[in-house]
Amino acid sequence: MTIMQMNMVSALNDALGVILKQDSKSVLLGEDIGKDGGVFRVTDGLQAKFGEDRVMDTPLAESGIIGASIGMAMAGLHPIAEIQFAGFMYLGFDQLVSHAARYRMRTRSTLKVPMIVRTPVSGGVRALEHHSESPEALYAHIGGLIVVEPSGPYDAKGLLIAASKLEDPVLFLEPTKLYRLFKEEVPDGAYDVPIGKANVVKEGSKLTIVTYGTMVPVVKNVVESKKTDAEIIDLRTVNPLDETTILASVKKTTRLLIVHEAPLSFGVGAEIAARVAEKAIYDLEAPIMRVGSPSFPYPDPGYERFYVPTEKKVAEAIDKIMKE
C-alpha cells in the first residue's frame, strides 16, 4: 500500500473514489459537485471518472437533496449527498429528523436508510454566519442519526469509508478550516477508521482534554507549547459517543477539560460533563471545565477572532484547572 501526503480535501476525494469503485450502488449528489467538483473541490474529477449517473448535480434545494437521498437509500442505493455549508442544511432538517432518522425504527428494520450527508462546518475562515455553523449538538440529539467529525486527513478518509458501509444515516461534518490547513500520511487505497471510537492523540497523566474537529490542532499546539502532562482525546464520532475511552482517561488523570468550537450552551461538552459527573465524580480532583464559543449567533468576519476559542483561551483554562 502506497503512503501519500494528503490534505483533507484530497483524502476525502480519494475516499469517495474508493467508495464509488467498490460499491456499485453508491452515488453522489449535490449542488455543483459534478463538473465543478463542489464548492471546495472535494468531488473534483469524480464525475469525469464515474459518469453523470453516479455523480449528479442537483438544483439548489437542500430539502430536495436530502429527501431524494432518503428515497434512493430505501430503494437500494447508497447515496452520499453534499450540502454546500452546514448553515444551509437546516432547510433539510425535517427530512433528516422526521424521515431519515426514523424509518428503521418505524418499519422495525424492514427498511434501512444507508445514506451519508456531507457538509463543511465551523469557522476560522472569515466567512459569513451560515458558512461557519457548528451544529453537531443539534443532530447528535436525534436518535437514529450518526454524527461524525474528523480532525485530519487520515481520519477523514477512513471514517468516510467506514460510514459508507453502515445501514443507518450518517451526518459527516468536515471542518472547513482544516480542509487545506495541513497534510498527513494517508494510505492509497481502502481502510476503515472505526465509527464510535475516539482517538487518544496524546497520552498523559495529569489532565484529560476531550475535543474534536477544528479544536484538535489548537489543543495540540497549546499542550505542546506549555509541556502540559495532558491526555488529548479526539472524539472523531460525536454520536455515538465513546464514553468508555473518556471515563478511563478521566479516572487516570482526575481532571477534565472539554474544548469545542460550537457554543457552550446545551452542547457536546455539556453532555460529556454530565456523563463524567454521573459515572466518575469521585475520581475528580477539580471541577470539570469547558471552553467553547459564546451562546449567540456566529458574528461577522471582523469579530470572528473574539468568538472562536483561541490557543490563549485554552491555555488559560489549563492553567486554571491545574491549580484546583
Protein backbone atom coordinates (compact mmCIF):
# COMPACT_ATOMS: atom_id res chain seq x y z
CA MET A 1 0.00 0.00 0.00
CA THR A 2 1.44 3.35 -1.04
CA ILE A 3 1.58 6.15 1.55
CA MET A 4 0.90 9.66 0.26
CA GLN A 5 0.90 13.15 1.72
CA MET A 6 -2.68 14.47 1.54
CA ASN A 7 -4.70 17.34 2.90
CA MET A 8 -8.28 16.70 3.99
CA VAL A 9 -9.79 17.65 0.63
CA SER A 10 -7.55 15.18 -1.20
CA ALA A 11 -8.20 12.47 1.39
CA LEU A 12 -11.98 12.87 1.13
CA ASN A 13 -11.79 12.89 -2.67
CA ASP A 14 -9.75 9.69 -2.54
CA ALA A 15 -12.24 8.11 -0.12
CA LEU A 16 -15.18 8.92 -2.41
CA GLY A 17 -13.30 7.40 -5.33
CA VAL A 18 -12.70 4.22 -3.33
CA ILE A 19 -16.37 4.03 -2.33
CA LEU A 20 -17.66 4.56 -5.88
CA LYS A 21 -15.26 1.92 -7.20
CA GLN A 22 -16.03 -0.69 -4.55
CA ASP A 23 -19.79 -0.22 -4.27
CA SER A 24 -21.80 -0.04 -7.49
CA LYS A 25 -24.85 1.14 -5.53
CA SER A 26 -23.12 4.26 -4.23
CA VAL A 27 -23.99 7.60 -5.85
CA LEU A 28 -23.03 11.20 -5.15
CA LEU A 29 -25.43 14.11 -5.42
CA GLY A 30 -25.33 17.80 -4.59
CA GLU A 31 -25.07 21.33 -5.89
CA ASP A 32 -22.21 21.79 -8.40
CA ILE A 33 -20.47 18.58 -7.35
CA GLY A 34 -20.16 17.24 -10.89
CA LYS A 35 -18.36 19.34 -13.46
CA ASP A 36 -17.22 21.94 -10.89
CA GLY A 37 -16.20 19.38 -8.26
CA GLY A 38 -18.11 21.01 -5.40
CA VAL A 39 -17.65 24.35 -3.70
CA PHE A 40 -14.40 23.15 -2.07
CA ARG A 41 -13.49 20.72 -4.90
CA VAL A 42 -13.90 17.63 -2.73
CA THR A 43 -15.60 15.81 -5.61
CA ASP A 44 -13.24 17.15 -8.28
CA GLY A 45 -12.78 14.74 -11.21
CA LEU A 46 -15.22 12.10 -9.93
CA GLN A 47 -17.97 12.79 -12.46
CA ALA A 48 -15.49 12.53 -15.33
CA LYS A 49 -14.27 9.20 -13.95
CA PHE A 50 -17.57 7.58 -12.90
CA GLY A 51 -20.15 9.31 -15.08
CA GLU A 52 -23.17 11.55 -14.58
CA ASP A 53 -25.32 8.65 -13.36
CA ARG A 54 -23.03 8.17 -10.35
CA VAL A 55 -22.05 11.80 -9.62
CA MET A 56 -25.10 14.03 -10.09
CA ASP A 57 -25.58 17.79 -9.99
CA THR A 58 -28.81 18.87 -8.29
CA PRO A 59 -30.90 22.03 -8.09
CA LEU A 60 -30.27 24.45 -5.22
CA ALA A 61 -32.73 22.75 -2.87
CA GLU A 62 -31.33 21.22 0.32
CA SER A 63 -34.63 19.62 1.33
CA GLY A 64 -34.87 18.05 -2.11
CA ILE A 65 -31.28 16.76 -1.99
CA ILE A 66 -31.78 15.08 1.39
CA GLY A 67 -35.30 13.89 0.55
CA ALA A 68 -34.12 12.34 -2.72
CA SER A 69 -31.27 10.67 -0.85
CA ILE A 70 -33.72 9.07 1.57
CA GLY A 71 -35.75 7.69 -1.31
CA MET A 72 -32.64 6.39 -3.04
CA ALA A 73 -31.48 4.69 0.16
CA MET A 74 -34.81 2.95 0.74
CA ALA A 75 -34.83 1.85 -2.91
CA GLY A 76 -31.49 0.06 -2.55
CA LEU A 77 -28.86 2.68 -3.44
CA HIS A 78 -26.28 4.20 -1.11
CA PRO A 79 -26.44 7.97 -1.68
CA ILE A 80 -23.76 10.37 -0.45
CA ALA A 81 -25.17 13.89 -0.54
CA GLU A 82 -23.21 17.11 -0.28
CA ILE A 83 -24.72 20.24 1.29
CA GLN A 84 -22.55 23.24 0.47
CA PHE A 85 -22.47 24.64 4.02
CA ALA A 86 -23.85 23.37 7.33
CA GLY A 87 -25.94 26.51 7.78
CA PHE A 88 -27.89 25.63 4.64
CA MET A 89 -28.75 22.18 5.96
CA TYR A 90 -31.48 23.48 8.27
CA LEU A 91 -33.69 23.61 5.17
CA GLY A 92 -33.45 19.81 5.11
CA PHE A 93 -33.73 19.35 8.89
CA ASP A 94 -37.27 17.99 8.65
CA GLN A 95 -36.20 15.35 6.14
CA LEU A 96 -33.35 14.16 8.38
CA VAL A 97 -35.27 14.19 11.65
CA SER A 98 -38.75 13.14 10.55
CA HIS A 99 -37.73 10.55 7.99
CA ALA A 100 -34.06 9.52 7.67
CA ALA A 101 -33.56 9.04 11.41
CA ARG A 102 -36.89 7.26 11.96
CA TYR A 103 -37.57 4.87 9.11
CA ARG A 104 -35.60 1.98 10.55
CA MET A 105 -37.45 2.22 13.87
CA ARG A 106 -40.76 2.99 12.14
CA THR A 107 -40.56 -0.15 9.99
CA ARG A 108 -38.95 -2.41 12.63
CA SER A 109 -35.82 -2.58 10.44
CA THR A 110 -37.80 -3.66 7.38
CA LEU A 111 -36.49 -0.51 5.68
CA LYS A 112 -32.98 0.77 6.29
CA VAL A 113 -31.65 4.17 5.28
CA PRO A 114 -27.96 3.75 4.34
CA MET A 115 -27.01 7.31 3.37
CA ILE A 116 -24.40 9.95 4.15
CA VAL A 117 -24.85 13.71 4.20
CA ARG A 118 -21.52 15.54 3.92
CA THR A 119 -21.19 19.22 4.77
CA PRO A 120 -18.47 21.73 5.72
CA VAL A 121 -18.75 23.06 9.29
CA SER A 122 -17.22 25.55 11.73
CA GLY A 123 -15.47 28.86 11.21
CA GLY A 124 -12.00 30.31 11.34
CA VAL A 125 -12.03 31.23 7.63
CA ARG A 126 -13.64 34.69 7.83
CA ALA A 127 -16.88 33.58 6.19
CA LEU A 128 -20.41 34.72 6.96
CA GLU A 129 -22.65 33.18 9.61
CA HIS A 130 -24.40 30.45 7.61
CA HIS A 131 -20.99 29.38 6.29
CA SER A 132 -19.46 28.98 9.77
CA GLU A 133 -22.01 26.98 11.77
CA SER A 134 -21.11 24.22 14.25
CA PRO A 135 -24.44 22.37 14.54
CA GLU A 136 -23.26 18.95 15.71
CA ALA A 137 -25.19 19.07 19.00
CA LEU A 138 -28.49 19.63 17.17
CA TYR A 139 -28.08 16.44 15.18
CA ALA A 140 -26.40 14.35 17.89
CA HIS A 141 -29.57 14.83 19.93
CA ILE A 142 -31.61 12.99 17.27
CA GLY A 143 -31.89 9.26 17.85
CA GLY A 144 -31.09 7.33 14.70
CA LEU A 145 -28.53 9.77 13.30
CA ILE A 146 -24.80 9.04 13.45
CA VAL A 147 -22.67 12.20 13.63
CA VAL A 148 -19.00 12.12 12.60
CA GLU A 149 -16.43 14.94 12.58
CA PRO A 150 -12.80 14.20 11.64
CA SER A 151 -9.88 16.45 12.53
CA GLY A 152 -7.33 15.37 9.93
CA PRO A 153 -6.85 13.77 6.51
CA TYR A 154 -6.11 10.22 7.71
CA ASP A 155 -9.21 10.03 9.89
CA ALA A 156 -11.36 11.80 7.29
CA LYS A 157 -10.70 9.18 4.66
CA GLY A 158 -11.01 6.17 6.96
CA LEU A 159 -14.15 7.44 8.68
CA LEU A 160 -15.89 8.22 5.38
CA ILE A 161 -15.14 4.76 4.02
CA ALA A 162 -16.37 3.19 7.27
CA ALA A 163 -19.52 5.33 7.17
CA SER A 164 -20.28 4.10 3.65
CA LYS A 165 -20.63 0.55 4.99
CA LEU A 166 -23.31 1.39 7.58
CA GLU A 167 -27.03 0.84 7.13
CA ASP A 168 -28.05 3.97 9.03
CA PRO A 169 -27.94 7.67 8.08
CA VAL A 170 -24.64 9.41 8.80
CA LEU A 171 -24.06 13.14 9.07
CA PHE A 172 -20.42 13.65 8.08
CA LEU A 173 -19.16 17.05 9.22
CA GLU A 174 -15.99 18.37 7.57
CA PRO A 175 -14.25 21.33 9.30
CA THR A 176 -13.73 23.97 6.62
CA LYS A 177 -10.62 25.42 8.27
CA LEU A 178 -8.94 22.01 8.21
CA TYR A 179 -9.61 21.26 4.54
CA ARG A 180 -6.21 22.53 3.44
CA LEU A 181 -4.55 23.52 6.72
CA PHE A 182 -2.04 20.66 6.80
CA LYS A 183 -1.12 17.34 5.22
CA GLU A 184 -0.72 13.89 6.74
CA GLU A 185 0.43 10.50 5.60
CA VAL A 186 -2.61 8.73 4.11
CA PRO A 187 -2.60 5.22 2.62
CA ASP A 188 -3.61 4.97 -1.02
CA GLY A 189 -6.50 2.53 -1.10
CA ALA A 190 -9.25 1.34 1.22
CA TYR A 191 -9.04 1.34 5.02
CA ASP A 192 -11.50 1.96 7.85
CA VAL A 193 -11.33 4.18 10.91
CA PRO A 194 -13.97 2.73 13.27
CA ILE A 195 -17.15 4.74 13.83
CA GLY A 196 -17.82 5.38 17.53
CA LYS A 197 -14.21 5.02 18.68
CA ALA A 198 -12.32 8.06 19.95
CA ASN A 199 -8.63 8.55 19.27
CA VAL A 200 -6.14 9.11 22.09
CA VAL A 201 -3.98 11.65 20.25
CA LYS A 202 -1.53 12.04 23.13
CA GLU A 203 -1.25 10.14 26.38
CA GLY A 204 -0.90 11.95 29.68
CA SER A 205 -1.44 11.51 33.42
CA LYS A 206 -2.46 14.87 34.94
CA LEU A 207 -5.30 16.18 32.77
CA THR A 208 -7.76 14.84 30.19
CA ILE A 209 -8.69 17.18 27.34
CA VAL A 210 -11.59 16.00 25.18
CA THR A 211 -12.01 17.79 21.86
CA TYR A 212 -12.80 17.26 18.17
CA GLY A 213 -12.83 18.98 14.79
CA THR A 214 -11.15 22.38 14.47
CA MET A 215 -10.06 22.45 18.09
CA VAL A 216 -7.82 19.38 17.90
CA PRO A 217 -4.87 21.26 16.33
CA VAL A 218 -5.45 24.16 18.74
CA VAL A 219 -5.33 21.89 21.79
CA LYS A 220 -2.28 20.01 20.50
CA ASN A 221 -0.37 23.27 19.97
CA VAL A 222 -1.18 24.53 23.47
CA VAL A 223 -0.29 21.28 25.22
CA GLU A 224 2.97 21.06 23.29
CA SER A 225 3.98 24.67 23.95
CA LYS A 226 3.11 24.50 27.65
CA LYS A 227 4.57 21.00 28.04
CA THR A 228 1.42 20.02 29.94
CA ASP A 229 1.12 16.40 31.03
CA ALA A 230 -2.29 16.11 29.37
CA GLU A 231 -4.06 13.27 27.63
CA ILE A 232 -5.76 14.53 24.46
CA ILE A 233 -8.82 12.66 23.20
CA ASP A 234 -10.22 13.38 19.74
CA LEU A 235 -13.84 12.18 19.68
CA ARG A 236 -13.93 11.62 15.89
CA THR A 237 -17.54 10.45 16.34
CA VAL A 238 -19.86 12.78 18.25
CA ASN A 239 -22.73 10.28 18.26
CA PRO A 240 -22.34 7.52 19.31
CA LEU A 241 -20.03 8.95 21.97
CA ASP A 242 -17.05 6.86 23.08
CA GLU A 243 -17.85 7.09 26.78
CA THR A 244 -15.52 4.20 27.67
CA THR A 245 -12.35 5.95 26.47
CA ILE A 246 -13.31 9.23 28.16
CA LEU A 247 -14.11 7.66 31.53
CA ALA A 248 -10.95 5.55 31.55
CA SER A 249 -8.84 8.63 30.89
CA VAL A 250 -10.58 10.79 33.50
CA LYS A 251 -10.19 8.12 36.16
CA LYS A 252 -6.48 8.09 35.40
CA THR A 253 -5.85 11.85 35.24
CA THR A 254 -8.54 13.08 37.72
CA ARG A 255 -9.13 16.32 35.75
CA LEU A 256 -11.28 17.05 32.69
CA LEU A 257 -11.28 19.93 30.23
CA ILE A 258 -13.61 19.87 27.20
CA VAL A 259 -12.90 22.09 24.20
CA HIS A 260 -15.14 22.64 21.18
CA GLU A 261 -15.84 25.47 18.74
CA ALA A 262 -19.62 25.22 19.00
CA PRO A 263 -21.49 27.37 21.56
CA LEU A 264 -21.27 26.10 25.13
CA SER A 265 -24.97 26.08 26.00
CA PHE A 266 -26.58 22.62 25.67
CA GLY A 267 -23.59 21.42 23.66
CA VAL A 268 -21.46 18.30 23.27
CA GLY A 269 -19.29 19.44 26.16
CA ALA A 270 -22.30 19.59 28.45
CA GLU A 271 -23.21 16.01 27.55
CA ILE A 272 -19.68 14.78 28.23
CA ALA A 273 -19.53 16.68 31.53
CA ALA A 274 -22.85 15.18 32.63
CA ARG A 275 -21.76 11.61 31.88
CA VAL A 276 -18.47 12.05 33.72
CA ALA A 277 -20.26 13.64 36.68
CA GLU A 278 -22.66 10.69 36.82
CA LYS A 279 -20.07 7.95 36.49
CA ALA A 280 -16.72 9.30 37.70
CA ILE A 281 -17.43 12.24 40.02
CA TYR A 282 -15.48 10.72 42.90
CA ASP A 283 -12.41 10.31 40.71
CA LEU A 284 -12.18 14.05 40.02
CA GLU A 285 -9.84 16.37 41.91
CA ALA A 286 -11.12 19.54 40.25
CA PRO A 287 -14.35 20.84 38.70
CA ILE A 288 -14.95 19.93 35.06
CA MET A 289 -14.18 22.87 32.78
CA ARG A 290 -15.35 23.72 29.25
CA VAL A 291 -14.05 26.04 26.56
CA GLY A 292 -16.34 26.93 23.68
CA SER A 293 -17.90 29.80 21.80
CA PRO A 294 -20.45 32.24 23.25
CA SER A 295 -24.08 31.22 23.01
CA PHE A 296 -25.20 33.64 20.33
CA PRO A 297 -25.18 33.55 16.50
CA TYR A 298 -21.88 33.46 14.65
CA PRO A 299 -20.61 37.04 14.17
CA ASP A 300 -19.42 38.90 11.09
CA PRO A 301 -15.86 38.04 9.96
CA GLY A 302 -14.30 41.05 11.67
CA TYR A 303 -15.34 39.75 15.10
CA GLU A 304 -14.57 36.10 14.50
CA ARG A 305 -11.33 36.13 16.48
CA PHE A 306 -13.25 37.19 19.59
CA TYR A 307 -15.82 34.42 19.16
CA VAL A 308 -13.96 31.22 18.28
CA PRO A 309 -11.86 29.62 21.07
CA THR A 310 -8.19 30.51 20.74
CA GLU A 311 -4.97 28.97 21.98
CA LYS A 312 -4.86 31.69 24.65
CA LYS A 313 -8.29 30.74 25.99
CA VAL A 314 -7.36 27.06 26.08
CA ALA A 315 -4.06 27.85 27.83
CA GLU A 316 -5.86 29.92 30.45
CA ALA A 317 -8.31 27.09 31.09
CA ILE A 318 -5.46 24.61 31.51
CA ASP A 319 -3.72 26.90 33.99
CA LYS A 320 -6.92 27.32 36.00
CA ILE A 321 -7.87 23.65 36.20
CA MET A 322 -4.33 22.59 37.11
CA LYS A 323 -4.37 24.98 40.10
CA GLU A 324 -7.56 23.44 41.51
